[in-house]
Amino acid sequence: MSRVVGYAPGAYDLFHVGHLNILRHAKEHCDYLIAGVVSDEMCLLTKGKAPVIPLVERMEIVSHISLVDEVFAEVVPDKVETWRSVQFDILFKGDDWRGTAKGDKLERDFADLGVKIIYFPYTRHTSSTALRRALAVINGELADPEPARVRR
């Protein structure tokens, strides 16, 4: 029997319990877990903002999580191109992708390759966005902070 390889891409910026939960759930669905740490450039391209923690440091942090078997620097925006390098069987994404145009395209592209997409819910009470906002308040960058929004 061959091993099942899972791939969990993410920025993993300001590492928090939500990231740990995604990796924990992902590991339950595969034998070998690869965490794809999205490069600084790809974060800027896809999210419109650079990460707080540089790629090398984020990769170092994620590589020391016992659930993770391998860390891969994701430097291209196309997940199929990443798959050509990594050869995973399952791709794990946040449930905010489910039912969206991006999620539907991802499912179609990977169905042809025999790759399963599994969605996980975000941890409601913690997000990198909320942590960024808290840091901005602490550093005096936001004078009148509005409540951080939680992804659902």
C-alpha atoms as a PDB file:
ATOM      1  CA  MET A   1       0.000   0.000   0.000  1.00  0.00           C
ATOM      2  CA  SER A   2       1.402   3.423  -0.957  1.00  0.00           C
ATOM      3  CA  ARG A   3       1.470   6.352   1.406  1.00  0.00           C
ATOM      4  CA  VAL A   4      -0.980   9.224   1.070  1.00  0.00           C
ATOM      5  CA  VAL A   5       0.760  12.579   0.702  1.00  0.00           C
ATOM      6  CA  GLY A   6      -1.070  15.683   1.867  1.00  0.00           C
ATOM      7  CA  TYR A   7      -0.268  19.292   1.081  1.00  0.00           C
ATOM      8  CA  ALA A   8      -1.312  22.173   3.342  1.00  0.00           C
ATOM      9  CA  PRO A   9      -0.388  25.525   1.796  1.00  0.00           C
ATOM     10  CA  GLY A  10      -0.478  28.758   3.741  1.00  0.00           C
ATOM     11  CA  ALA A  11       1.405  31.881   4.646  1.00  0.00           C
ATOM     12  CA  TYR A  12       1.794  30.660   8.236  1.00  0.00           C
ATOM     13  CA  ASP A  13       2.523  34.264   9.197  1.00  0.00           C
ATOM     14  CA  LEU A  14       2.311  35.090  12.893  1.00  0.00           C
ATOM     15  CA  PHE A  15       1.898  31.379  13.606  1.00  0.00           C
ATOM     16  CA  HIS A  16      -1.139  30.767  15.807  1.00  0.00           C
ATOM     17  CA  VAL A  17      -3.496  28.016  16.954  1.00  0.00           C
ATOM     18  CA  GLY A  18      -5.537  28.238  13.737  1.00  0.00           C
ATOM     19  CA  HIS A  19      -2.450  27.204  11.777  1.00  0.00           C
ATOM     20  CA  LEU A  20      -1.794  24.394  14.215  1.00  0.00           C
ATOM     21  CA  ASN A  21      -5.405  23.208  13.871  1.00  0.00           C
ATOM     22  CA  ILE A  22      -5.134  23.079  10.075  1.00  0.00           C
ATOM     23  CA  LEU A  23      -1.939  21.036  10.290  1.00  0.00           C
ATOM     24  CA  ARG A  24      -3.450  18.741  12.945  1.00  0.00           C
ATOM     25  CA  HIS A  25      -6.565  18.083  10.845  1.00  0.00           C
ATOM     26  CA  ALA A  26      -4.499  17.625   7.697  1.00  0.00           C
ATOM     27  CA  LYS A  27      -2.240  15.047   9.337  1.00  0.00           C
ATOM     28  CA  GLU A  28      -5.344  13.015  10.270  1.00  0.00           C
ATOM     29  CA  HIS A  29      -6.042  12.582   6.537  1.00  0.00           C
ATOM     30  CA  CYS A  30      -2.617  11.606   5.231  1.00  0.00           C
ATOM     31  CA  ASP A  31       0.496   9.579   6.009  1.00  0.00           C
ATOM     32  CA  TYR A  32       2.980  12.252   4.974  1.00  0.00           C
ATOM     33  CA  LEU A  33       2.242  15.957   5.398  1.00  0.00           C
ATOM     34  CA  ILE A  34       3.948  18.673   3.402  1.00  0.00           C
ATOM     35  CA  ALA A  35       3.352  22.248   4.544  1.00  0.00           C
ATOM     36  CA  GLY A  36       3.616  24.664   1.644  1.00  0.00           C
ATOM     37  CA  VAL A  37       4.842  27.963   3.032  1.00  0.00           C
ATOM     38  CA  VAL A  38       3.850  30.713   0.616  1.00  0.00           C
ATOM     39  CA  SER A  39       6.724  33.041  -0.295  1.00  0.00           C
ATOM     40  CA  ASP A  40       6.737  36.716   0.630  1.00  0.00           C
ATOM     41  CA  GLU A  41       6.241  37.628  -3.049  1.00  0.00           C
ATOM     42  CA  MET A  42       3.278  35.264  -3.465  1.00  0.00           C
ATOM     43  CA  CYS A  43       1.649  36.638  -0.289  1.00  0.00           C
ATOM     44  CA  LEU A  44       1.969  40.133  -1.684  1.00  0.00           C
ATOM     45  CA  LEU A  45       0.603  39.026  -5.061  1.00  0.00           C
ATOM     46  CA  THR A  46      -2.334  36.973  -3.754  1.00  0.00           C
ATOM     47  CA  LYS A  47      -3.245  38.791  -0.522  1.00  0.00           C
ATOM     48  CA  GLY A  48      -2.048  42.294  -1.290  1.00  0.00           C
ATOM     49  CA  LYS A  49       0.197  42.419   1.765  1.00  0.00           C
ATOM     50  CA  ALA A  50       3.609  41.119   2.687  1.00  0.00           C
ATOM     51  CA  PRO A  51       3.929  38.800   5.680  1.00  0.00           C
ATOM     52  CA  VAL A  52       5.307  40.150   8.961  1.00  0.00           C
ATOM     53  CA  ILE A  53       7.699  37.200   9.346  1.00  0.00           C
ATOM     54  CA  PRO A  54      10.110  36.506   6.419  1.00  0.00           C
ATOM     55  CA  LEU A  55       9.798  33.242   4.457  1.00  0.00           C
ATOM     56  CA  VAL A  56      12.965  31.630   5.843  1.00  0.00           C
ATOM     57  CA  GLU A  57      11.804  32.187   9.422  1.00  0.00           C
ATOM     58  CA  ARG A  58       8.247  30.970   8.706  1.00  0.00           C
ATOM     59  CA  MET A  59       9.673  27.825   7.120  1.00  0.00           C
ATOM     60  CA  GLU A  60      11.902  27.275  10.162  1.00  0.00           C
ATOM     61  CA  ILE A  61       8.940  27.593  12.529  1.00  0.00           C
ATOM     62  CA  VAL A  62       6.688  25.258  10.522  1.00  0.00           C
ATOM     63  CA  SER A  63       9.477  22.692  10.040  1.00  0.00           C
ATOM     64  CA  HIS A  64       9.626  22.231  13.804  1.00  0.00           C
ATOM     65  CA  ILE A  65       5.951  21.312  14.137  1.00  0.00           C
ATOM     66  CA  SER A  66       5.951  17.556  14.763  1.00  0.00           C
ATOM     67  CA  LEU A  67       2.885  17.041  12.538  1.00  0.00           C
ATOM     68  CA  VAL A  68       4.800  18.283   9.487  1.00  0.00           C
ATOM     69  CA  ASP A  69       7.009  15.835   7.602  1.00  0.00           C
ATOM     70  CA  GLU A  70       8.363  18.309   5.052  1.00  0.00           C
ATOM     71  CA  VAL A  71       8.250  22.019   4.306  1.00  0.00           C
ATOM     72  CA  PHE A  72       8.101  23.378   0.762  1.00  0.00           C
ATOM     73  CA  ALA A  73       8.577  27.013  -0.288  1.00  0.00           C
ATOM     74  CA  GLU A  74       5.627  27.838  -2.518  1.00  0.00           C
ATOM     75  CA  VAL A  75       6.891  30.400  -5.016  1.00  0.00           C
ATOM     76  CA  VAL A  76       4.302  30.215  -7.829  1.00  0.00           C
ATOM     77  CA  PRO A  77       0.618  31.185  -7.730  1.00  0.00           C
ATOM     78  CA  ASP A  78      -0.567  28.100  -9.652  1.00  0.00           C
ATOM     79  CA  LYS A  79      -1.257  25.143  -7.325  1.00  0.00           C
ATOM     80  CA  VAL A  80      -1.123  22.703 -10.259  1.00  0.00           C
ATOM     81  CA  GLU A  81       2.405  23.879 -10.997  1.00  0.00           C
ATOM     82  CA  THR A  82       3.254  23.326  -7.334  1.00  0.00           C
ATOM     83  CA  TRP A  83       1.715  19.840  -7.578  1.00  0.00           C
ATOM     84  CA  ARG A  84       4.093  19.017 -10.448  1.00  0.00           C
ATOM     85  CA  SER A  85       6.986  19.594  -8.038  1.00  0.00           C
ATOM     86  CA  VAL A  86       5.471  18.092  -4.889  1.00  0.00           C
ATOM     87  CA  GLN A  87       3.170  15.300  -6.184  1.00  0.00           C
ATOM     88  CA  PHE A  88       0.593  15.310  -3.364  1.00  0.00           C
ATOM     89  CA  ASP A  89      -2.606  13.237  -3.225  1.00  0.00           C
ATOM     90  CA  ILE A  90      -4.696  15.621  -1.118  1.00  0.00           C
ATOM     91  CA  LEU A  91      -4.749  19.410  -1.002  1.00  0.00           C
ATOM     92  CA  PHE A  92      -6.054  21.035   2.181  1.00  0.00           C
ATOM     93  CA  LYS A  93      -7.704  24.470   2.016  1.00  0.00           C
ATOM     94  CA  GLY A  94      -9.713  26.706   4.301  1.00  0.00           C
ATOM     95  CA  ASP A  95     -13.461  26.466   3.926  1.00  0.00           C
ATOM     96  CA  ASP A  96     -13.621  30.075   2.738  1.00  0.00           C
ATOM     97  CA  TRP A  97     -12.604  28.651  -0.669  1.00  0.00           C
ATOM     98  CA  ARG A  98     -15.514  26.195  -0.831  1.00  0.00           C
ATOM     99  CA  GLY A  99     -18.159  27.237  -3.356  1.00  0.00           C
ATOM    100  CA  THR A 100     -16.159  30.185  -4.691  1.00  0.00           C
ATOM    101  CA  ALA A 101     -14.951  30.617  -8.256  1.00  0.00           C
ATOM    102  CA  LYS A 102     -11.351  29.994  -7.086  1.00  0.00           C
ATOM    103  CA  GLY A 103     -12.366  26.898  -5.148  1.00  0.00           C
ATOM    104  CA  ASP A 104     -14.448  25.506  -8.005  1.00  0.00           C
ATOM    105  CA  LYS A 105     -11.541  25.994 -10.428  1.00  0.00           C
ATOM    106  CA  LEU A 106      -9.158  24.333  -7.979  1.00  0.00           C
ATOM    107  CA  GLU A 107     -11.494  21.339  -7.680  1.00  0.00           C
ATOM    108  CA  ARG A 108     -11.840  21.015 -11.468  1.00  0.00           C
ATOM    109  CA  ASP A 109      -8.083  21.334 -12.080  1.00  0.00           C
ATOM    110  CA  PHE A 110      -7.211  18.734  -9.473  1.00  0.00           C
ATOM    111  CA  ALA A 111     -10.018  16.309 -10.322  1.00  0.00           C
ATOM    112  CA  ASP A 112      -8.254  15.702 -13.635  1.00  0.00           C
ATOM    113  CA  LEU A 113      -5.083  14.837 -11.698  1.00  0.00           C
ATOM    114  CA  GLY A 114      -6.803  12.564  -9.172  1.00  0.00           C
ATOM    115  CA  VAL A 115      -6.059  14.952  -6.289  1.00  0.00           C
ATOM    116  CA  LYS A 116      -8.708  15.274  -3.580  1.00  0.00           C
ATOM    117  CA  ILE A 117      -9.497  18.679  -2.052  1.00  0.00           C
ATOM    118  CA  ILE A 118     -10.406  18.700   1.633  1.00  0.00           C
ATOM    119  CA  TYR A 119     -11.671  21.876   3.299  1.00  0.00           C
ATOM    120  CA  PHE A 120     -11.203  22.726   6.967  1.00  0.00           C
ATOM    121  CA  PRO A 121     -12.920  25.472   8.962  1.00  0.00           C
ATOM    122  CA  TYR A 122     -10.904  28.397  10.222  1.00  0.00           C
ATOM    123  CA  THR A 123     -10.415  28.768  13.944  1.00  0.00           C
ATOM    124  CA  ARG A 124     -12.946  31.503  14.647  1.00  0.00           C
ATOM    125  CA  HIS A 125     -11.297  33.333  17.502  1.00  0.00           C
ATOM    126  CA  THR A 126      -7.784  33.705  16.058  1.00  0.00           C
ATOM    127  CA  SER A 127      -6.467  34.912  12.726  1.00  0.00           C
ATOM    128  CA  SER A 128      -3.317  36.523  11.381  1.00  0.00           C
ATOM    129  CA  THR A 129      -5.470  39.518  10.408  1.00  0.00           C
ATOM    130  CA  ALA A 130      -6.589  39.962  14.021  1.00  0.00           C
ATOM    131  CA  LEU A 131      -3.007  39.597  15.237  1.00  0.00           C
ATOM    132  CA  ARG A 132      -1.793  42.182  12.684  1.00  0.00           C
ATOM    133  CA  ARG A 133      -4.485  44.590  13.882  1.00  0.00           C
ATOM    134  CA  ALA A 134      -3.491  44.059  17.536  1.00  0.00           C
ATOM    135  CA  LEU A 135       0.158  44.721  16.668  1.00  0.00           C
ATOM    136  CA  ALA A 136      -0.827  47.899  14.839  1.00  0.00           C
ATOM    137  CA  VAL A 137      -2.736  49.114  17.904  1.00  0.00           C
ATOM    138  CA  ILE A 138       0.166  48.288  20.220  1.00  0.00           C
ATOM    139  CA  ASN A 139       2.575  50.110  17.919  1.00  0.00           C
ATOM    140  CA  GLY A 140       0.297  53.154  17.733  1.00  0.00           C
ATOM    141  CA  GLU A 141      -0.397  52.688  14.025  1.00  0.00           C
ATOM    142  CA  LEU A 142      -4.155  52.551  14.613  1.00  0.00           C
ATOM    143  CA  ALA A 143      -5.558  55.309  16.792  1.00  0.00           C
ATOM    144  CA  ASP A 144      -9.182  54.160  16.767  1.00  0.00           C
ATOM    145  CA  PRO A 145      -9.159  50.434  16.026  1.00  0.00           C
ATOM    146  CA  GLU A 146     -12.288  48.772  14.767  1.00  0.00           C
ATOM    147  CA  PRO A 147     -12.948  45.220  15.935  1.00  0.00           C
ATOM    148  CA  ALA A 148     -11.081  42.588  13.986  1.00  0.00           C
ATOM    149  CA  ARG A 149     -13.289  40.522  11.720  1.00  0.00           C
ATOM    150  CA  VAL A 150     -13.200  36.775  12.019  1.00  0.00           C
ATOM    151  CA  ARG A 151     -13.317  34.566   8.943  1.00  0.00           C
ATOM    152  CA  ARG A 152     -16.018  31.977   9.037  1.00  0.00           C
END
